[in-house]
Amino acid sequence: MGAVGEKRTLLVTGAAGYIGQATVRHALRDGHTVKAVLRPGRPVPDALAGAEIVFADLVTDNDTLAKALRNVDVVIHAAGSFSSDADTLMRDTIQASSGLLDAMSQAAVSRVVLVSSIAIYGYQGAKKIDESAELETHFDQRDAYCRAKSEQENLFRTHAGLNLTVLRVGAVWGPNRLFNAHLGVSTGPLFLRIGNATDIPTCHIETCASALVSASCQVSTPTCSVINILDDDRPDARRYLKAVQKCGWPKRVLPIPLFPLLTLAKALPASLQRVGLLKPAALAARFGAVQYSNKRLHMCLEDVTMVTFEDAMTDAIKNTDGSKA
């Protein structure tokens, strides 16, 4: 698998983001040298102390980025957007990735670990999601994020000469990120728990960060070129919401069956299905009764942090700013 103990020089894009900060912190703790890329004018988070800060817009600052890439062993590409706006996703995910790839070519850096997402799988009719599951192709039935992450993966796969590892990350959670879209919808003090998912695809922030650093220390192989990053201890929706309610919110949870929502969504005209969760495929992706597998994670990566759900949630609540739950 490669020399996990070898110290590397890593360049982390999106270093000021939730995943980026945790990844930089984990890499520094493991003794790696880190160059942390932030957009110009962005405040430098305390978590990046000890990293070399590089201010560069991935879309426009090609020369600055290429210079920063000198002597870099591995790029961890965590920059991107979670926006639902197609134009924002195009710039911050697709154009930013294209700019990074151009700079990597200029600097002759070929090793990259890409932060992708389990959102790109096709969920309608799926019973199990592992790395062999079919990918979504009907993007008009999903959302702009699914399309953007799929296009981003394709962009990296078709770029010549890369040594690429794709980590398809689950629903990242931890301090200041207690909820995720696979649970339901918030309506003020009331939380609508949609469906009865028995396997929420959680990925604790430390699991995510440690997996990214572990992958960066290994040479990609065909078997380990795509890896789903998920917790071992994944709760069902009831267990998740029971644990998170210790933070005092939501005050009340109302279960909503999935089947009537799917029936309604299928009966709606296409013009109304354009709206978010009114698409059957989007409902299936978030709330369907799917079982997930992280078997390949354990086969391919070493020293990945795993947490016990209730203990980690208690710690996450304790360390969450009340305005960022």
Protein backbone atom coordinates (compact mmCIF):
# COMPACT_ATOMS: atom_id res chain seq x y z
CA MET A 1 0.00 0.00 0.00
CA GLY A 2 2.92 2.35 0.42
CA ALA A 3 5.00 3.87 3.18
CA VAL A 4 2.40 5.25 5.56
CA GLY A 5 5.05 6.42 8.04
CA GLU A 6 6.93 8.49 5.45
CA LYS A 7 6.60 12.25 5.96
CA ARG A 8 5.32 14.17 2.96
CA THR A 9 4.81 17.72 1.81
CA LEU A 10 1.07 18.14 1.28
CA LEU A 11 -0.84 20.95 -0.36
CA VAL A 12 -4.42 21.19 0.89
CA THR A 13 -6.96 23.24 -1.07
CA GLY A 14 -10.06 24.56 0.66
CA ALA A 15 -7.97 24.69 3.82
CA ALA A 16 -10.26 27.17 5.56
CA GLY A 17 -13.28 24.88 5.16
CA TYR A 18 -14.64 22.37 7.63
CA ILE A 19 -12.89 19.37 6.06
CA GLY A 20 -9.82 21.39 5.09
CA GLN A 21 -9.09 22.66 8.59
CA ALA A 22 -9.41 19.20 10.12
CA THR A 23 -7.19 17.71 7.42
CA VAL A 24 -4.45 20.29 7.90
CA ARG A 25 -4.59 19.82 11.66
CA HIS A 26 -4.38 16.03 11.32
CA ALA A 27 -1.52 16.18 8.79
CA LEU A 28 0.52 18.53 10.97
CA ARG A 29 -0.09 16.32 13.99
CA ASP A 30 1.29 13.39 11.99
CA GLY A 31 4.45 15.34 11.20
CA HIS A 32 3.81 16.23 7.57
CA THR A 33 4.70 19.58 6.02
CA VAL A 34 1.53 21.35 4.88
CA LYS A 35 0.83 24.17 2.46
CA ALA A 36 -2.70 25.42 3.11
CA VAL A 37 -4.46 27.18 0.22
CA LEU A 38 -7.00 29.88 1.07
CA ARG A 39 -8.83 32.37 -1.10
CA PRO A 40 -7.25 35.83 -1.02
CA GLY A 41 -8.63 37.92 1.84
CA ARG A 42 -9.90 34.92 3.78
CA PRO A 43 -9.10 35.04 7.52
CA VAL A 44 -6.60 32.39 8.58
CA PRO A 45 -8.25 29.96 11.06
CA ASP A 46 -6.33 29.05 14.20
CA ALA A 47 -6.42 25.40 13.10
CA LEU A 48 -3.93 26.22 10.34
CA ALA A 49 -1.19 27.32 12.74
CA GLY A 50 2.00 25.56 11.68
CA ALA A 51 1.06 25.37 8.00
CA GLU A 52 2.47 27.53 5.23
CA ILE A 53 -0.40 29.75 4.12
CA VAL A 54 -0.91 30.23 0.40
CA PHE A 55 -3.45 32.82 -0.73
CA ALA A 56 -4.63 31.83 -4.20
CA ASP A 57 -7.87 31.71 -6.15
CA LEU A 58 -7.85 28.33 -7.87
CA VAL A 59 -9.68 29.77 -10.86
CA THR A 60 -7.53 32.84 -11.54
CA ASP A 61 -4.19 32.58 -9.71
CA ASN A 62 -2.53 29.87 -11.77
CA ASP A 63 1.04 31.18 -11.44
CA THR A 64 0.77 31.60 -7.65
CA LEU A 65 -0.62 28.11 -7.31
CA ALA A 66 2.00 26.56 -9.58
CA LYS A 67 4.74 28.21 -7.53
CA ALA A 68 3.21 26.88 -4.29
CA LEU A 69 3.13 23.38 -5.81
CA ARG A 70 6.89 23.21 -6.15
CA ASN A 71 8.33 20.39 -4.03
CA VAL A 72 4.81 19.19 -3.10
CA ASP A 73 4.42 15.41 -2.94
CA VAL A 74 0.63 15.16 -2.78
CA VAL A 75 -2.33 17.48 -3.32
CA ILE A 76 -5.43 16.96 -1.17
CA HIS A 77 -8.19 18.72 -3.07
CA ALA A 78 -10.87 19.64 -0.55
CA ALA A 79 -11.97 22.91 -2.16
CA GLY A 80 -15.48 23.03 -3.53
CA SER A 81 -18.97 24.31 -2.89
CA PHE A 82 -22.03 22.87 -1.17
CA SER A 83 -24.25 25.47 -2.79
CA SER A 84 -27.45 24.54 -4.59
CA ASP A 85 -26.71 27.25 -7.17
CA ALA A 86 -25.41 25.82 -10.44
CA ASP A 87 -23.28 28.87 -11.29
CA THR A 88 -21.57 28.86 -7.90
CA LEU A 89 -20.90 25.14 -8.19
CA MET A 90 -19.50 25.59 -11.68
CA ARG A 91 -16.98 28.16 -10.51
CA ASP A 92 -16.02 26.80 -7.09
CA THR A 93 -16.05 23.10 -7.98
CA ILE A 94 -15.50 22.63 -11.73
CA GLN A 95 -13.52 25.73 -12.75
CA ALA A 96 -11.50 25.61 -9.53
CA SER A 97 -10.60 21.97 -10.20
CA SER A 98 -9.61 22.79 -13.77
CA GLY A 99 -7.37 25.61 -12.51
CA LEU A 100 -5.74 23.31 -10.00
CA LEU A 101 -5.07 20.66 -12.64
CA ASP A 102 -3.45 23.25 -14.92
CA ALA A 103 -1.19 24.39 -12.08
CA MET A 104 -0.30 20.80 -11.19
CA SER A 105 0.70 20.14 -14.79
CA GLN A 106 2.84 23.27 -14.79
CA ALA A 107 4.54 22.18 -11.56
CA ALA A 108 4.84 18.50 -12.62
CA VAL A 109 2.85 17.26 -9.59
CA SER A 110 0.81 14.14 -10.34
CA ARG A 111 -0.33 12.68 -7.01
CA VAL A 112 -3.75 13.89 -5.87
CA VAL A 113 -6.38 12.81 -3.37
CA LEU A 114 -9.80 14.13 -4.36
CA VAL A 115 -12.58 14.79 -1.87
CA SER A 116 -15.66 13.50 -3.67
CA SER A 117 -19.06 12.48 -2.33
CA ILE A 118 -21.37 9.50 -2.01
CA ALA A 119 -23.97 11.85 -3.53
CA ILE A 120 -22.86 10.82 -7.01
CA TYR A 121 -24.27 7.29 -6.72
CA GLY A 122 -27.57 6.39 -8.35
CA TYR A 123 -30.01 5.63 -5.54
CA GLN A 124 -33.34 4.79 -7.19
CA GLY A 125 -33.85 1.07 -6.71
CA ALA A 126 -30.50 0.66 -4.94
CA LYS A 127 -30.32 -1.61 -1.89
CA LYS A 128 -26.61 -1.36 -1.18
CA ILE A 129 -24.05 1.35 -1.86
CA ASP A 130 -20.44 0.30 -2.15
CA GLU A 131 -17.75 1.35 -4.63
CA SER A 132 -19.20 -0.95 -7.31
CA ALA A 133 -22.65 0.69 -7.19
CA GLU A 134 -23.89 2.45 -10.31
CA LEU A 135 -23.28 6.19 -10.54
CA GLU A 136 -26.02 8.71 -11.21
CA THR A 137 -26.51 9.57 -14.88
CA HIS A 138 -29.94 11.25 -14.80
CA PHE A 139 -28.81 14.56 -13.32
CA ASP A 140 -32.04 16.30 -14.25
CA GLN A 141 -33.70 14.09 -11.61
CA ARG A 142 -31.24 15.06 -8.85
CA ASP A 143 -29.61 18.37 -7.94
CA ALA A 144 -26.80 20.66 -9.05
CA TYR A 145 -24.44 19.33 -6.37
CA CYS A 146 -24.69 15.75 -7.62
CA ARG A 147 -23.98 16.90 -11.17
CA ALA A 148 -21.03 19.09 -10.13
CA LYS A 149 -19.31 16.39 -8.06
CA SER A 150 -19.80 13.86 -10.87
CA GLU A 151 -18.30 16.27 -13.40
CA GLN A 152 -15.44 17.00 -11.01
CA GLU A 153 -14.57 13.30 -10.74
CA ASN A 154 -14.68 12.94 -14.52
CA LEU A 155 -12.43 15.98 -14.91
CA PHE A 156 -9.75 14.37 -12.76
CA ARG A 157 -10.16 10.92 -14.33
CA THR A 158 -9.66 12.22 -17.85
CA HIS A 159 -6.63 14.35 -16.98
CA ALA A 160 -3.56 12.55 -18.28
CA GLY A 161 -0.76 11.42 -16.00
CA LEU A 162 -2.43 11.65 -12.61
CA ASN A 163 -1.96 9.22 -9.75
CA LEU A 164 -5.47 9.70 -8.40
CA THR A 165 -7.31 8.48 -5.34
CA VAL A 166 -10.97 9.44 -5.04
CA LEU A 167 -12.48 9.43 -1.57
CA ARG A 168 -16.29 9.49 -1.71
CA VAL A 169 -17.13 10.96 1.65
CA GLY A 170 -20.39 10.44 3.49
CA ALA A 171 -22.38 12.99 5.50
CA VAL A 172 -19.65 14.75 7.47
CA TRP A 173 -20.51 15.61 11.06
CA GLY A 174 -18.82 16.73 14.26
CA PRO A 175 -18.47 19.91 16.32
CA ASN A 176 -20.39 22.78 14.67
CA ARG A 177 -21.98 20.36 12.22
CA LEU A 178 -24.49 18.25 14.11
CA PHE A 179 -27.18 17.63 11.51
CA ASN A 180 -27.17 16.31 7.95
CA ALA A 181 -29.54 16.18 5.03
CA HIS A 182 -30.20 12.42 5.36
CA LEU A 183 -32.25 12.94 8.52
CA GLY A 184 -35.07 15.18 7.37
CA VAL A 185 -36.08 18.82 7.21
CA SER A 186 -36.10 21.49 9.91
CA THR A 187 -39.15 23.72 10.28
CA GLY A 188 -38.35 25.98 13.23
CA PRO A 189 -38.49 24.04 16.52
CA LEU A 190 -40.02 21.04 14.71
CA PHE A 191 -37.85 18.55 12.84
CA LEU A 192 -39.51 16.40 10.17
CA ARG A 193 -37.77 13.01 10.19
CA ILE A 194 -38.42 11.68 6.71
CA GLY A 195 -38.50 7.95 6.09
CA ASN A 196 -37.08 5.27 8.32
CA ALA A 197 -33.47 4.91 7.18
CA THR A 198 -31.65 2.23 9.14
CA ASP A 199 -28.19 3.28 7.94
CA ILE A 200 -27.38 6.99 7.90
CA PRO A 201 -24.13 7.39 5.87
CA THR A 202 -22.26 9.32 8.54
CA CYS A 203 -18.61 10.30 8.36
CA HIS A 204 -17.16 11.91 11.48
CA ILE A 205 -14.84 14.81 10.69
CA GLU A 206 -11.86 13.01 12.26
CA THR A 207 -12.59 9.90 10.21
CA CYS A 208 -12.68 12.05 7.09
CA ALA A 209 -9.47 13.96 7.88
CA SER A 210 -7.50 10.89 8.92
CA ALA A 211 -8.60 9.04 5.77
CA LEU A 212 -7.45 11.90 3.55
CA VAL A 213 -4.04 12.02 5.20
CA SER A 214 -3.71 8.23 5.12
CA ALA A 215 -4.59 8.13 1.41
CA SER A 216 -2.02 10.85 0.68
CA CYS A 217 0.73 8.63 2.11
CA GLN A 218 -0.01 5.76 -0.25
CA VAL A 219 0.30 5.19 -3.97
CA SER A 220 -3.06 4.68 -5.61
CA THR A 221 -3.73 1.17 -6.92
CA PRO A 222 -6.62 0.06 -9.15
CA THR A 223 -8.36 -1.63 -6.22
CA CYS A 224 -7.95 1.36 -3.93
CA SER A 225 -8.43 4.20 -6.42
CA VAL A 226 -12.01 4.83 -5.21
CA ILE A 227 -12.90 4.50 -1.53
CA ASN A 228 -16.11 5.29 0.35
CA ILE A 229 -15.32 7.06 3.63
CA LEU A 230 -17.93 6.21 6.26
CA ASP A 231 -18.05 5.60 9.99
CA ASP A 232 -18.08 2.03 11.30
CA ASP A 233 -20.73 2.95 13.88
CA ARG A 234 -23.51 4.40 11.72
CA PRO A 235 -26.83 5.10 13.43
CA ASP A 236 -30.34 4.89 12.11
CA ALA A 237 -32.32 8.14 11.98
CA ARG A 238 -34.03 7.60 15.35
CA ARG A 239 -30.76 6.93 17.16
CA TYR A 240 -29.08 9.93 15.53
CA LEU A 241 -31.84 12.37 16.47
CA LYS A 242 -32.12 10.99 20.00
CA ALA A 243 -28.41 11.62 20.53
CA VAL A 244 -28.36 15.08 18.97
CA GLN A 245 -31.38 16.23 21.00
CA LYS A 246 -29.03 16.46 24.00
CA CYS A 247 -28.04 19.85 22.59
CA GLY A 248 -31.60 21.04 23.28
CA TRP A 249 -32.81 21.04 19.68
CA PRO A 250 -34.94 19.94 17.97
CA LYS A 251 -37.56 20.12 20.69
CA ARG A 252 -39.88 17.83 18.79
CA VAL A 253 -39.39 15.29 16.01
CA LEU A 254 -42.28 14.37 13.73
CA PRO A 255 -41.87 11.17 11.65
CA ILE A 256 -42.98 11.48 8.03
CA PRO A 257 -43.25 8.23 5.98
CA LEU A 258 -41.26 8.25 2.75
CA PHE A 259 -43.73 6.37 0.55
CA PRO A 260 -46.46 9.07 0.46
CA LEU A 261 -43.82 11.71 -0.36
CA LEU A 262 -42.48 9.57 -3.20
CA THR A 263 -46.00 9.00 -4.50
CA LEU A 264 -46.70 12.73 -4.38
CA ALA A 265 -43.40 13.61 -6.06
CA LYS A 266 -44.03 11.15 -8.90
CA ALA A 267 -47.48 12.62 -9.47
CA LEU A 268 -46.25 16.20 -9.71
CA PRO A 269 -45.66 17.81 -13.10
CA ALA A 270 -42.02 18.14 -14.15
CA SER A 271 -42.15 21.92 -13.63
CA LEU A 272 -42.72 21.43 -9.89
CA GLN A 273 -40.24 18.55 -9.60
CA ARG A 274 -37.47 21.05 -10.28
CA VAL A 275 -37.76 22.15 -6.68
CA GLY A 276 -35.30 20.28 -4.44
CA LEU A 277 -36.86 17.36 -2.61
CA LEU A 278 -39.91 17.24 -4.88
CA LYS A 279 -37.87 14.98 -7.17
CA PRO A 280 -38.31 11.22 -6.53
CA ALA A 281 -34.63 10.54 -7.16
CA ALA A 282 -33.60 13.22 -4.67
CA LEU A 283 -35.89 11.74 -2.03
CA ALA A 284 -34.46 8.27 -2.65
CA ALA A 285 -30.89 9.58 -2.38
CA ARG A 286 -31.47 11.24 0.97
CA PHE A 287 -33.98 9.02 2.70
CA GLY A 288 -34.09 5.66 0.95
CA ALA A 289 -33.59 2.37 2.83
CA VAL A 290 -30.04 1.80 1.58
CA GLN A 291 -27.24 -0.13 3.28
CA TYR A 292 -23.73 1.30 2.96
CA SER A 293 -20.35 -0.42 2.99
CA ASN A 294 -16.96 0.90 4.11
CA LYS A 295 -15.20 -2.44 3.71
CA ARG A 296 -12.74 -1.04 1.18
CA LEU A 297 -11.73 1.72 3.58
CA HIS A 298 -10.41 -0.89 6.00
CA MET A 299 -8.77 -2.84 3.20
CA CYS A 300 -6.97 0.14 1.65
CA LEU A 301 -6.21 2.70 4.36
CA GLU A 302 -4.29 2.52 7.62
CA ASP A 303 -4.63 4.44 10.88
CA VAL A 304 -8.06 5.89 10.11
CA THR A 305 -9.82 7.27 13.17
CA MET A 306 -13.12 5.62 14.03
CA VAL A 307 -15.52 6.84 16.68
CA THR A 308 -18.33 5.44 18.81
CA PHE A 309 -21.40 7.39 17.76
CA GLU A 310 -22.91 8.42 21.11
CA ASP A 311 -19.54 9.33 22.64
CA ALA A 312 -18.54 11.35 19.61
CA MET A 313 -21.91 13.12 19.50
CA THR A 314 -21.64 14.07 23.17
CA ASP A 315 -18.19 15.52 22.44
CA ALA A 316 -19.46 17.28 19.30
CA ILE A 317 -22.29 18.95 21.23
CA LYS A 318 -19.90 20.00 23.98
CA ASN A 319 -17.58 21.64 21.44
CA THR A 320 -20.23 23.23 19.25
CA ASP A 321 -20.84 26.95 19.11
CA GLY A 322 -24.59 27.29 19.63
CA SER A 323 -24.90 29.40 16.48
CA LYS A 324 -23.33 26.70 14.30
CA ALA A 325 -25.21 23.53 15.21
